[in-house]
Full PDB file with SEQRES, HELIX, SHEET, SSBOND, CRYST1, ORIGX, SCALE, CONECT and MASTER records, all heavy atoms in Angstrom:
SEQRES   1 A   39  GLY ARG PHE THR HIS SER ARG ASP LYS ALA ALA LYS THR          
SEQRES   2 A   39  SER TYR LEU GLN MET ASN SER LEU LYS PRO GLU ASP ALA          
SEQRES   3 A   39  ALA ILE TYR TYR CYS ARG MET THR ILE ARG GLY ARG GLU          
HELIX    1 AA1 PRO A   23  ASP A   25  5                                   3    
SHEET    1 AA1 2 PHE A   3  ASP A   8  0                                        
SHEET    2 AA1 2 THR A  13  MET A  18 -1                                        
CRYST1    1.000    1.000    1.000  90.00  90.00  90.00 P 1           1          
ORIGX1      1.000000  0.000000  0.000000        0.00000                         
ORIGX2      0.000000  1.000000  0.000000        0.00000                         
ORIGX3      0.000000  0.000000  1.000000        0.00000                         
SCALE1      1.000000  0.000000  0.000000        0.00000                         
SCALE2      0.000000  1.000000  0.000000        0.00000                         
SCALE3      0.000000  0.000000  1.000000        0.00000                         
ATOM      1  N   GLY A   1      51.444 -28.099-185.587  1.00  0.00           N  
ATOM      2  CA  GLY A   1      51.439 -29.543-185.771  1.00  0.00           C  
ATOM      3  C   GLY A   1      52.645 -30.056-186.552  1.00  0.00           C  
ATOM      4  O   GLY A   1      52.903 -31.262-186.584  1.00  0.00           O  
ATOM      5  N   ARG A   2      53.388 -29.133-187.185  1.00  0.00           N  
ATOM      6  CA  ARG A   2      54.569 -29.537-187.931  1.00  0.00           C  
ATOM      7  C   ARG A   2      55.850 -28.904-187.384  1.00  0.00           C  
ATOM      8  O   ARG A   2      56.905 -29.520-187.419  1.00  0.00           O  
ATOM      9  CB  ARG A   2      54.408 -29.137-189.416  1.00  0.00           C  
ATOM     10  CG  ARG A   2      53.214 -29.757-190.077  1.00  0.00           C  
ATOM     11  CD  ARG A   2      53.193 -29.438-191.584  1.00  0.00           C  
ATOM     12  NE  ARG A   2      53.052 -27.993-191.831  1.00  0.00           N  
ATOM     13  CZ  ARG A   2      53.959 -27.280-192.509  1.00  0.00           C  
ATOM     14  NH1 ARG A   2      55.034 -27.843-192.996  1.00  0.00           N  
ATOM     15  NH2 ARG A   2      53.751 -25.988-192.710  1.00  0.00           N  
ATOM     16  N   PHE A   3      55.737 -27.668-186.933  1.00  0.00           N  
ATOM     17  CA  PHE A   3      56.889 -26.950-186.405  1.00  0.00           C  
ATOM     18  C   PHE A   3      56.808 -26.866-184.884  1.00  0.00           C  
ATOM     19  O   PHE A   3      55.717 -26.805-184.318  1.00  0.00           O  
ATOM     20  CB  PHE A   3      56.954 -25.521-186.938  1.00  0.00           C  
ATOM     21  CG  PHE A   3      57.272 -25.402-188.409  1.00  0.00           C  
ATOM     22  CD1 PHE A   3      57.261 -26.496-189.261  1.00  0.00           C  
ATOM     23  CD2 PHE A   3      57.595 -24.157-188.941  1.00  0.00           C  
ATOM     24  CE1 PHE A   3      57.557 -26.369-190.610  1.00  0.00           C  
ATOM     25  CE2 PHE A   3      57.895 -24.006-190.274  1.00  0.00           C  
ATOM     26  CZ  PHE A   3      57.871 -25.115-191.108  1.00  0.00           C  
ATOM     27  N   THR A   4      57.959 -26.810-184.261  1.00  0.00           N  
ATOM     28  CA  THR A   4      58.044 -26.626-182.810  1.00  0.00           C  
ATOM     29  C   THR A   4      59.096 -25.577-182.504  1.00  0.00           C  
ATOM     30  O   THR A   4      60.222 -25.668-183.009  1.00  0.00           O  
ATOM     31  CB  THR A   4      58.387 -27.925-182.095  1.00  0.00           C  
ATOM     32  OG1 THR A   4      57.459 -28.950-182.417  1.00  0.00           O  
ATOM     33  CG2 THR A   4      58.410 -27.723-180.591  1.00  0.00           C  
ATOM     34  N   HIS A   5      58.699 -24.634-181.690  1.00  0.00           N  
ATOM     35  CA  HIS A   5      59.663 -23.622-181.225  1.00  0.00           C  
ATOM     36  C   HIS A   5      60.059 -23.937-179.797  1.00  0.00           C  
ATOM     37  O   HIS A   5      59.204 -24.187-178.951  1.00  0.00           O  
ATOM     38  CB  HIS A   5      59.030 -22.249-181.309  1.00  0.00           C  
ATOM     39  CG  HIS A   5      59.760 -21.184-180.530  1.00  0.00           C  
ATOM     40  ND1 HIS A   5      61.122 -20.949-180.650  1.00  0.00           N  
ATOM     41  CD2 HIS A   5      59.334 -20.279-179.631  1.00  0.00           C  
ATOM     42  CE1 HIS A   5      61.472 -19.973-179.864  1.00  0.00           C  
ATOM     43  NE2 HIS A   5      60.401 -19.542-179.230  1.00  0.00           N  
ATOM     44  N   SER A   6      61.353 -23.944-179.548  1.00  0.00           N  
ATOM     45  CA  SER A   6      61.835 -24.141-178.186  1.00  0.00           C  
ATOM     46  C   SER A   6      62.982 -23.160-177.950  1.00  0.00           C  
ATOM     47  O   SER A   6      63.455 -22.484-178.877  1.00  0.00           O  
ATOM     48  CB  SER A   6      62.299 -25.580-177.978  1.00  0.00           C  
ATOM     49  OG  SER A   6      63.360 -25.903-178.863  1.00  0.00           O  
ATOM     50  N   ARG A   7      63.453 -23.101-176.735  1.00  0.00           N  
ATOM     51  CA  ARG A   7      64.496 -22.140-176.389  1.00  0.00           C  
ATOM     52  C   ARG A   7      65.278 -22.630-175.210  1.00  0.00           C  
ATOM     53  O   ARG A   7      64.804 -23.403-174.394  1.00  0.00           O  
ATOM     54  CB  ARG A   7      63.855 -20.779-176.096  1.00  0.00           C  
ATOM     55  CG  ARG A   7      63.038 -20.817-174.818  1.00  0.00           C  
ATOM     56  CD  ARG A   7      62.181 -19.629-174.646  1.00  0.00           C  
ATOM     57  NE  ARG A   7      61.507 -19.676-173.334  1.00  0.00           N  
ATOM     58  CZ  ARG A   7      60.443 -18.985-173.014  1.00  0.00           C  
ATOM     59  NH1 ARG A   7      59.931 -18.142-173.884  1.00  0.00           N  
ATOM     60  NH2 ARG A   7      59.915 -19.097-171.833  1.00  0.00           N  
ATOM     61  N   ASP A   8      66.476 -22.149-175.128  1.00  0.00           N  
ATOM     62  CA  ASP A   8      67.337 -22.330-173.979  1.00  0.00           C  
ATOM     63  C   ASP A   8      67.786 -20.938-173.585  1.00  0.00           C  
ATOM     64  O   ASP A   8      68.757 -20.402-174.133  1.00  0.00           O  
ATOM     65  CB  ASP A   8      68.532 -23.242-174.336  1.00  0.00           C  
ATOM     66  CG  ASP A   8      69.405 -23.540-173.144  1.00  0.00           C  
ATOM     67  OD1 ASP A   8      69.385 -22.764-172.152  1.00  0.00           O  
ATOM     68  OD2 ASP A   8      70.150 -24.504-173.208  1.00  0.00           O  
ATOM     69  N   LYS A   9      67.091 -20.337-172.669  1.00  0.00           N  
ATOM     70  CA  LYS A   9      67.366 -18.933-172.335  1.00  0.00           C  
ATOM     71  C   LYS A   9      68.747 -18.790-171.694  1.00  0.00           C  
ATOM     72  O   LYS A   9      69.423 -17.775-171.931  1.00  0.00           O  
ATOM     73  CB  LYS A   9      66.288 -18.385-171.426  1.00  0.00           C  
ATOM     74  CG  LYS A   9      64.929 -18.296-172.125  1.00  0.00           C  
ATOM     75  CD  LYS A   9      63.916 -17.525-171.305  1.00  0.00           C  
ATOM     76  CE  LYS A   9      64.119 -16.039-171.395  1.00  0.00           C  
ATOM     77  NZ  LYS A   9      63.046 -15.282-170.751  1.00  0.00           N  
ATOM     78  N   ALA A  10      69.161 -19.766-170.920  1.00  0.00           N  
ATOM     79  CA  ALA A  10      70.480 -19.689-170.299  1.00  0.00           C  
ATOM     80  C   ALA A  10      71.573 -19.672-171.369  1.00  0.00           C  
ATOM     81  O   ALA A  10      72.598 -18.997-171.223  1.00  0.00           O  
ATOM     82  CB  ALA A  10      70.705 -20.839-169.351  1.00  0.00           C  
ATOM     83  N   ALA A  11      71.358 -20.430-172.445  1.00  0.00           N  
ATOM     84  CA  ALA A  11      72.297 -20.488-173.568  1.00  0.00           C  
ATOM     85  C   ALA A  11      72.015 -19.421-174.594  1.00  0.00           C  
ATOM     86  O   ALA A  11      72.695 -19.355-175.619  1.00  0.00           O  
ATOM     87  CB  ALA A  11      72.287 -21.867-174.204  1.00  0.00           C  
ATOM     88  N   LYS A  12      70.977 -18.632-174.353  1.00  0.00           N  
ATOM     89  CA  LYS A  12      70.581 -17.540-175.259  1.00  0.00           C  
ATOM     90  C   LYS A  12      70.344 -18.079-176.686  1.00  0.00           C  
ATOM     91  O   LYS A  12      70.765 -17.459-177.661  1.00  0.00           O  
ATOM     92  CB  LYS A  12      71.648 -16.447-175.276  1.00  0.00           C  
ATOM     93  CG  LYS A  12      71.875 -15.822-173.895  1.00  0.00           C  
ATOM     94  CD  LYS A  12      73.098 -14.926-173.918  1.00  0.00           C  
ATOM     95  CE  LYS A  12      74.341 -15.784-174.120  1.00  0.00           C  
ATOM     96  NZ  LYS A  12      75.567 -14.974-174.293  1.00  0.00           N  
ATOM     97  N   THR A  13      69.675 -19.217-176.747  1.00  0.00           N  
ATOM     98  CA  THR A  13      69.471 -19.877-178.024  1.00  0.00           C  
ATOM     99  C   THR A  13      67.997 -20.158-178.246  1.00  0.00           C  
ATOM    100  O   THR A  13      67.296 -20.629-177.354  1.00  0.00           O  
ATOM    101  CB  THR A  13      70.252 -21.192-178.072  1.00  0.00           C  
ATOM    102  OG1 THR A  13      71.636 -20.922-177.821  1.00  0.00           O  
ATOM    103  CG2 THR A  13      70.135 -21.851-179.445  1.00  0.00           C  
ATOM    104  N   SER A  14      67.570 -19.896-179.486  1.00  0.00           N  
ATOM    105  CA  SER A  14      66.210 -20.166-179.908  1.00  0.00           C  
ATOM    106  C   SER A  14      66.283 -21.236-180.995  1.00  0.00           C  
ATOM    107  O   SER A  14      67.188 -21.234-181.820  1.00  0.00           O  
ATOM    108  CB  SER A  14      65.596 -18.895-180.479  1.00  0.00           C  
ATOM    109  OG  SER A  14      64.316 -19.123-181.028  1.00  0.00           O  
ATOM    110  N   TYR A  15      65.301 -22.132-180.978  1.00  0.00           N  
ATOM    111  CA  TYR A  15      65.268 -23.219-181.948  1.00  0.00           C  
ATOM    112  C   TYR A  15      63.925 -23.240-182.684  1.00  0.00           C  
ATOM    113  O   TYR A  15      62.882 -22.872-182.118  1.00  0.00           O  
ATOM    114  CB  TYR A  15      65.452 -24.579-181.264  1.00  0.00           C  
ATOM    115  CG  TYR A  15      66.726 -24.714-180.488  1.00  0.00           C  
ATOM    116  CD1 TYR A  15      66.741 -24.559-179.098  1.00  0.00           C  
ATOM    117  CD2 TYR A  15      67.916 -25.032-181.135  1.00  0.00           C  
ATOM    118  CE1 TYR A  15      67.920 -24.694-178.377  1.00  0.00           C  
ATOM    119  CE2 TYR A  15      69.105 -25.159-180.419  1.00  0.00           C  
ATOM    120  CZ  TYR A  15      69.087 -25.007-179.039  1.00  0.00           C  
ATOM    121  OH  TYR A  15      70.270 -25.126-178.340  1.00  0.00           O  
ATOM    122  N   LEU A  16      63.977 -23.710-183.915  1.00  0.00           N  
ATOM    123  CA  LEU A  16      62.752 -23.975-184.663  1.00  0.00           C  
ATOM    124  C   LEU A  16      62.941 -25.322-185.331  1.00  0.00           C  
ATOM    125  O   LEU A  16      63.709 -25.454-186.268  1.00  0.00           O  
ATOM    126  CB  LEU A  16      62.483 -22.881-185.710  1.00  0.00           C  
ATOM    127  CG  LEU A  16      61.177 -23.027-186.454  1.00  0.00           C  
ATOM    128  CD1 LEU A  16      59.998 -22.780-185.512  1.00  0.00           C  
ATOM    129  CD2 LEU A  16      61.099 -22.028-187.644  1.00  0.00           C  
ATOM    130  N   GLN A  17      62.230 -26.307-184.807  1.00  0.00           N  
ATOM    131  CA  GLN A  17      62.220 -27.644-185.400  1.00  0.00           C  
ATOM    132  C   GLN A  17      61.131 -27.709-186.444  1.00  0.00           C  
ATOM    133  O   GLN A  17      59.956 -27.479-186.102  1.00  0.00           O  
ATOM    134  CB  GLN A  17      62.009 -28.708-184.317  1.00  0.00           C  
ATOM    135  CG  GLN A  17      61.920 -30.121-184.847  1.00  0.00           C  
ATOM    136  CD  GLN A  17      63.221 -30.613-185.430  1.00  0.00           C  
ATOM    137  OE1 GLN A  17      64.267 -30.417-184.845  1.00  0.00           O  
ATOM    138  NE2 GLN A  17      63.150 -31.278-186.579  1.00  0.00           N  
ATOM    139  N   MET A  18      61.483 -27.996-187.651  1.00  0.00           N  
ATOM    140  CA  MET A  18      60.523 -27.996-188.742  1.00  0.00           C  
ATOM    141  C   MET A  18      60.424 -29.414-189.309  1.00  0.00           C  
ATOM    142  O   MET A  18      61.395 -29.939-189.840  1.00  0.00           O  
ATOM    143  CB  MET A  18      60.958 -27.011-189.832  1.00  0.00           C  
ATOM    144  CG  MET A  18      61.198 -25.610-189.305  1.00  0.00           C  
ATOM    145  SD  MET A  18      61.577 -24.420-190.612  1.00  0.00           S  
ATOM    146  CE  MET A  18      63.150 -25.041-191.189  1.00  0.00           C  
ATOM    147  N   ASN A  19      59.260 -30.011-189.177  1.00  0.00           N  
ATOM    148  CA  ASN A  19      58.981 -31.347-189.685  1.00  0.00           C  
ATOM    149  C   ASN A  19      57.921 -31.285-190.787  1.00  0.00           C  
ATOM    150  O   ASN A  19      57.203 -30.295-190.902  1.00  0.00           O  
ATOM    151  CB  ASN A  19      58.506 -32.261-188.565  1.00  0.00           C  
ATOM    152  CG  ASN A  19      59.537 -32.422-187.462  1.00  0.00           C  
ATOM    153  OD1 ASN A  19      60.738 -32.399-187.689  1.00  0.00           O  
ATOM    154  ND2 ASN A  19      59.060 -32.595-186.229  1.00  0.00           N  
ATOM    155  N   SER A  20      57.845 -32.341-191.559  1.00  0.00           N  
ATOM    156  CA  SER A  20      56.832 -32.434-192.625  1.00  0.00           C  
ATOM    157  C   SER A  20      56.850 -31.178-193.497  1.00  0.00           C  
ATOM    158  O   SER A  20      55.804 -30.602-193.788  1.00  0.00           O  
ATOM    159  CB  SER A  20      55.433 -32.637-192.008  1.00  0.00           C  
ATOM    160  OG  SER A  20      55.412 -33.805-191.213  1.00  0.00           O  
ATOM    161  N   LEU A  21      58.024 -30.787-193.906  1.00  0.00           N  
ATOM    162  CA  LEU A  21      58.146 -29.547-194.659  1.00  0.00           C  
ATOM    163  C   LEU A  21      57.442 -29.667-196.005  1.00  0.00           C  
ATOM    164  O   LEU A  21      57.446 -30.711-196.659  1.00  0.00           O  
ATOM    165  CB  LEU A  21      59.614 -29.211-194.853  1.00  0.00           C  
ATOM    166  CG  LEU A  21      60.265 -28.559-193.616  1.00  0.00           C  
ATOM    167  CD1 LEU A  21      61.772 -28.727-193.661  1.00  0.00           C  
ATOM    168  CD2 LEU A  21      59.876 -27.114-193.533  1.00  0.00           C  
ATOM    169  N   LYS A  22      56.875 -28.532-196.396  1.00  0.00           N  
ATOM    170  CA  LYS A  22      56.137 -28.438-197.652  1.00  0.00           C  
ATOM    171  C   LYS A  22      56.834 -27.400-198.556  1.00  0.00           C  
ATOM    172  O   LYS A  22      57.550 -26.508-198.074  1.00  0.00           O  
ATOM    173  CB  LYS A  22      54.703 -27.969-197.397  1.00  0.00           C  
ATOM    174  CG  LYS A  22      53.930 -28.828-196.442  1.00  0.00           C  
ATOM    175  CD  LYS A  22      52.555 -28.228-196.169  1.00  0.00           C  
ATOM    176  CE  LYS A  22      51.759 -29.079-195.187  1.00  0.00           C  
ATOM    177  NZ  LYS A  22      50.410 -28.469-194.920  1.00  0.00           N  
ATOM    178  N   PRO A  23      56.618 -27.494-199.857  1.00  0.00           N  
ATOM    179  CA  PRO A  23      57.224 -26.494-200.759  1.00  0.00           C  
ATOM    180  C   PRO A  23      56.864 -25.046-200.362  1.00  0.00           C  
ATOM    181  O   PRO A  23      57.695 -24.140-200.511  1.00  0.00           O  
ATOM    182  CB  PRO A  23      56.659 -26.862-202.119  1.00  0.00           C  
ATOM    183  CG  PRO A  23      56.433 -28.340-202.029  1.00  0.00           C  
ATOM    184  CD  PRO A  23      55.955 -28.575-200.615  1.00  0.00           C  
ATOM    185  N   GLU A  24      55.680 -24.854-199.815  1.00  0.00           N  
ATOM    186  CA  GLU A  24      55.278 -23.501-199.439  1.00  0.00           C  
ATOM    187  C   GLU A  24      55.958 -23.006-198.188  1.00  0.00           C  
ATOM    188  O   GLU A  24      55.804 -21.848-197.815  1.00  0.00           O  
ATOM    189  CB  GLU A  24      53.754 -23.422-199.259  1.00  0.00           C  
ATOM    190  CG  GLU A  24      53.164 -24.456-198.334  1.00  0.00           C  
ATOM    191  CD  GLU A  24      52.607 -25.656-199.103  1.00  0.00           C  
ATOM    192  OE1 GLU A  24      53.261 -26.112-200.069  1.00  0.00           O  
ATOM    193  OE2 GLU A  24      51.508 -26.123-198.709  1.00  0.00           O  
ATOM    194  N   ASP A  25      56.705 -23.870-197.509  1.00  0.00           N  
ATOM    195  CA  ASP A  25      57.508 -23.424-196.365  1.00  0.00           C  
ATOM    196  C   ASP A  25      58.845 -22.805-196.790  1.00  0.00           C  
ATOM    197  O   ASP A  25      59.550 -22.217-195.961  1.00  0.00           O  
ATOM    198  CB  ASP A  25      57.810 -24.610-195.435  1.00  0.00           C  
ATOM    199  CG  ASP A  25      56.587 -25.191-194.768  1.00  0.00           C  
ATOM    200  OD1 ASP A  25      55.722 -24.399-194.337  1.00  0.00           O  
ATOM    201  OD2 ASP A  25      56.466 -26.419-194.689  1.00  0.00           O  
ATOM    202  N   ALA A  26      59.159 -22.929-198.061  1.00  0.00           N  
ATOM    203  CA  ALA A  26      60.432 -22.391-198.539  1.00  0.00           C  
ATOM    204  C   ALA A  26      60.467 -20.875-198.374  1.00  0.00           C  
ATOM    205  O   ALA A  26      59.531 -20.170-198.777  1.00  0.00           O  
ATOM    206  CB  ALA A  26      60.638 -22.769-199.997  1.00  0.00           C  
ATOM    207  N   ALA A  27      61.526 -20.386-197.780  1.00  0.00           N  
ATOM    208  CA  ALA A  27      61.646 -18.951-197.493  1.00  0.00           C  
ATOM    209  C   ALA A  27      62.979 -18.705-196.843  1.00  0.00           C  
ATOM    210  O   ALA A  27      63.733 -19.640-196.505  1.00  0.00           O  
ATOM    211  CB  ALA A  27      60.517 -18.490-196.573  1.00  0.00           C  
ATOM    212  N   ILE A  28      63.284 -17.457-196.612  1.00  0.00           N  
ATOM    213  CA  ILE A  28      64.375 -17.092-195.730  1.00  0.00           C  
ATOM    214  C   ILE A  28      63.770 -16.943-194.330  1.00  0.00           C  
ATOM    215  O   ILE A  28      62.777 -16.227-194.137  1.00  0.00           O  
ATOM    216  CB  ILE A  28      65.045 -15.774-196.147  1.00  0.00           C  
ATOM    217  CG1 ILE A  28      65.662 -15.933-197.529  1.00  0.00           C  
ATOM    218  CG2 ILE A  28      66.166 -15.406-195.138  1.00  0.00           C  
ATOM    219  CD1 ILE A  28      66.245 -14.652-198.092  1.00  0.00           C  
ATOM    220  N   TYR A  29      64.356 -17.636-193.390  1.00  0.00           N  
ATOM    221  CA  TYR A  29      63.856 -17.628-192.019  1.00  0.00           C  
ATOM    222  C   TYR A  29      64.749 -16.722-191.166  1.00  0.00           C  
ATOM    223  O   TYR A  29      65.995 -16.820-191.227  1.00  0.00           O  
ATOM    224  CB  TYR A  29      63.864 -19.048-191.442  1.00  0.00           C  
ATOM    225  CG  TYR A  29      62.678 -19.861-191.946  1.00  0.00           C  
ATOM    226  CD1 TYR A  29      62.629 -20.291-193.265  1.00  0.00           C  
ATOM    227  CD2 TYR A  29      61.620 -20.186-191.113  1.00  0.00           C  
ATOM    228  CE1 TYR A  29      61.545 -21.016-193.752  1.00  0.00           C  
ATOM    229  CE2 TYR A  29      60.534 -20.910-191.569  1.00  0.00           C  
ATOM    230  CZ  TYR A  29      60.503 -21.330-192.895  1.00  0.00           C  
ATOM    231  OH  TYR A  29      59.412 -22.046-193.357  1.00  0.00           O  
ATOM    232  N   TYR A  30      64.090 -15.869-190.404  1.00  0.00           N  
ATOM    233  CA  TYR A  30      64.784 -14.903-189.567  1.00  0.00           C  
ATOM    234  C   TYR A  30      64.397 -15.128-188.102  1.00  0.00           C  
ATOM    235  O   TYR A  30      63.225 -15.325-187.782  1.00  0.00           O  
ATOM    236  CB  TYR A  30      64.393 -13.482-189.922  1.00  0.00           C  
ATOM    237  CG  TYR A  30      64.751 -13.063-191.327  1.00  0.00           C  
ATOM    238  CD1 TYR A  30      63.870 -13.247-192.376  1.00  0.00           C  
ATOM    239  CD2 TYR A  30      65.986 -12.470-191.610  1.00  0.00           C  
ATOM    240  CE1 TYR A  30      64.201 -12.853-193.674  1.00  0.00           C  
ATOM    241  CE2 TYR A  30      66.324 -12.068-192.884  1.00  0.00           C  
ATOM    242  CZ  TYR A  30      65.427 -12.267-193.920  1.00  0.00           C  
ATOM    243  OH  TYR A  30      65.753 -11.864-195.182  1.00  0.00           O  
ATOM    244  N   CYS A  31      65.389 -15.071-187.242  1.00  0.00           N  
ATOM    245  CA  CYS A  31      65.069 -15.100-185.831  1.00  0.00           C  
ATOM    246  C   CYS A  31      65.077 -13.659-185.296  1.00  0.00           C  
ATOM    247  O   CYS A  31      65.720 -12.769-185.869  1.00  0.00           O  
ATOM    248  CB  CYS A  31      66.034 -15.945-185.027  1.00  0.00           C  
ATOM    249  SG  CYS A  31      67.709 -15.320-184.937  1.00  0.00           S  
ATOM    250  N   ARG A  32      64.326 -13.456-184.259  1.00  0.00           N  
ATOM    251  CA  ARG A  32      64.256 -12.163-183.600  1.00  0.00           C  
ATOM    252  C   ARG A  32      64.269 -12.367-182.099  1.00  0.00           C  
ATOM    253  O   ARG A  32      63.653 -13.309-181.597  1.00  0.00           O  
ATOM    254  CB  ARG A  32      62.970 -11.433-184.000  1.00  0.00           C  
ATOM    255  CG  ARG A  32      62.888  -9.971-183.556  1.00  0.00           C  
ATOM    256  CD  ARG A  32      61.506  -9.438-183.712  1.00  0.00           C  
ATOM    257  NE  ARG A  32      60.634  -9.903-182.632  1.00  0.00           N  
ATOM    258  CZ  ARG A  32      59.328  -9.645-182.581  1.00  0.00           C  
ATOM    259  NH1 ARG A  32      58.745  -8.957-183.532  1.00  0.00           N  
ATOM    260  NH2 ARG A  32      58.624 -10.109-181.575  1.00  0.00           N  
ATOM    261  N   MET A  33      64.999 -11.531-181.420  1.00  0.00           N  
ATOM    262  CA  MET A  33      65.007 -11.571-179.960  1.00  0.00           C  
ATOM    263  C   MET A  33      64.786 -10.177-179.411  1.00  0.00           C  
ATOM    264  O   MET A  33      65.285  -9.200-179.995  1.00  0.00           O  
ATOM    265  CB  MET A  33      66.331 -12.107-179.421  1.00  0.00           C  
ATOM    266  CG  MET A  33      66.588 -13.575-179.753  1.00  0.00           C  
ATOM    267  SD  MET A  33      68.021 -14.203-178.863  1.00  0.00           S  
ATOM    268  CE  MET A  33      68.184 -15.845-179.560  1.00  0.00           C  
ATOM    269  N   THR A  34      64.091 -10.118-178.318  1.00  0.00           N  
ATOM    270  CA  THR A  34      63.906  -8.866-177.613  1.00  0.00           C  
ATOM    271  C   THR A  34      64.822  -8.879-176.400  1.00  0.00           C  
ATOM    272  O   THR A  34      64.687  -9.719-175.512  1.00  0.00           O  
ATOM    273  CB  THR A  34      62.434  -8.679-177.159  1.00  0.00           C  
ATOM    274  OG1 THR A  34      61.578  -8.773-178.305  1.00  0.00           O  
ATOM    275  CG2 THR A  34      62.239  -7.326-176.516  1.00  0.00           C  
ATOM    276  N   ILE A  35      65.780  -7.976-176.432  1.00  0.00           N  
ATOM    277  CA  ILE A  35      66.829  -7.936-175.411  1.00  0.00           C  
ATOM    278  C   ILE A  35      66.862  -6.537-174.805  1.00  0.00           C  
ATOM    279  O   ILE A  35      67.061  -5.562-175.532  1.00  0.00           O  
ATOM    280  CB  ILE A  35      68.208  -8.291-176.011  1.00  0.00           C  
ATOM    281  CG1 ILE A  35      68.140  -9.662-176.701  1.00  0.00           C  
ATOM    282  CG2 ILE A  35      69.286  -8.253-174.951  1.00  0.00           C  
ATOM    283  CD1 ILE A  35      69.386 -10.002-177.507  1.00  0.00           C  
ATOM    284  N   ARG A  36      66.646  -6.492-173.517  1.00  0.00           N  
ATOM    285  CA  ARG A  36      66.606  -5.203-172.807  1.00  0.00           C  
ATOM    286  C   ARG A  36      65.647  -4.251-173.496  1.00  0.00           C  
ATOM    287  O   ARG A  36      65.939  -3.036-173.646  1.00  0.00           O  
ATOM    288  CB  ARG A  36      67.998  -4.576-172.735  1.00  0.00           C  
ATOM    289  CG  ARG A  36      69.005  -5.415-171.982  1.00  0.00           C  
ATOM    290  CD  ARG A  36      70.388  -4.783-172.043  1.00  0.00           C  
ATOM    291  NE  ARG A  36      71.403  -5.651-171.515  1.00  0.00           N  
ATOM    292  CZ  ARG A  36      72.682  -5.595-171.879  1.00  0.00           C  
ATOM    293  NH1 ARG A  36      73.104  -4.689-172.717  1.00  0.00           N  
ATOM    294  NH2 ARG A  36      73.562  -6.413-171.341  1.00  0.00           N  
ATOM    295  N   GLY A  37      64.526  -4.763-173.959  1.00  0.00           N  
ATOM    296  CA  GLY A  37      63.483  -3.939-174.546  1.00  0.00           C  
ATOM    297  C   GLY A  37      63.694  -3.564-176.007  1.00  0.00           C  
ATOM    298  O   GLY A  37      62.858  -2.873-176.581  1.00  0.00           O  
ATOM    299  N   ARG A  38      64.752  -4.015-176.635  1.00  0.00           N  
ATOM    300  CA  ARG A  38      65.024  -3.699-178.022  1.00  0.00           C  
ATOM    301  C   ARG A  38      64.954  -5.000-178.855  1.00  0.00           C  
ATOM    302  O   ARG A  38      65.297  -6.076-178.381  1.00  0.00           O  
ATOM    303  CB  ARG A  38      66.370  -3.036-178.207  1.00  0.00           C  
ATOM    304  CG  ARG A  38      66.500  -1.693-177.527  1.00  0.00           C  
ATOM    305  CD  ARG A  38      67.844  -1.046-177.832  1.00  0.00           C  
ATOM    306  NE  ARG A  38      68.013  -0.792-179.260  1.00  0.00           N  
ATOM    307  CZ  ARG A  38      69.106  -0.244-179.759  1.00  0.00           C  
ATOM    308  NH1 ARG A  38      70.115   0.082-178.978  1.00  0.00           N  
ATOM    309  NH2 ARG A  38      69.200  -0.023-181.061  1.00  0.00           N  
ATOM    310  N   GLU A  39      64.558  -4.863-180.089  1.00  0.00           N  
ATOM    311  CA  GLU A  39      64.453  -6.002-180.982  1.00  0.00           C  
ATOM    312  C   GLU A  39      65.703  -6.133-181.859  1.00  0.00           C  
ATOM    313  O   GLU A  39      66.188  -5.127-182.416  1.00  0.00           O  
ATOM    314  CB  GLU A  39      63.211  -5.898-181.875  1.00  0.00           C  
ATOM    315  CG  GLU A  39      61.916  -6.003-181.091  1.00  0.00           C  
ATOM    316  CD  GLU A  39      60.713  -5.966-182.007  1.00  0.00           C  
ATOM    317  OE1 GLU A  39      60.893  -5.747-183.210  1.00  0.00           O  
ATOM    318  OE2 GLU A  39      59.574  -6.137-181.516  1.00  0.00           O  
TER     319      GLU A  39                                                      
MASTER        0    0    0    1    2    0    0    6  318    1    0    3          
END                                                                             
């Protein structure tokens, strides 16, 4: 209800739209992709 994940696979790009952020959302954010079966 606050975050949205989207992607553009052709552009090999992942997005995370974060709205209504709260103090407890504070962190280091990491993206992960599975490419040819490897992370």
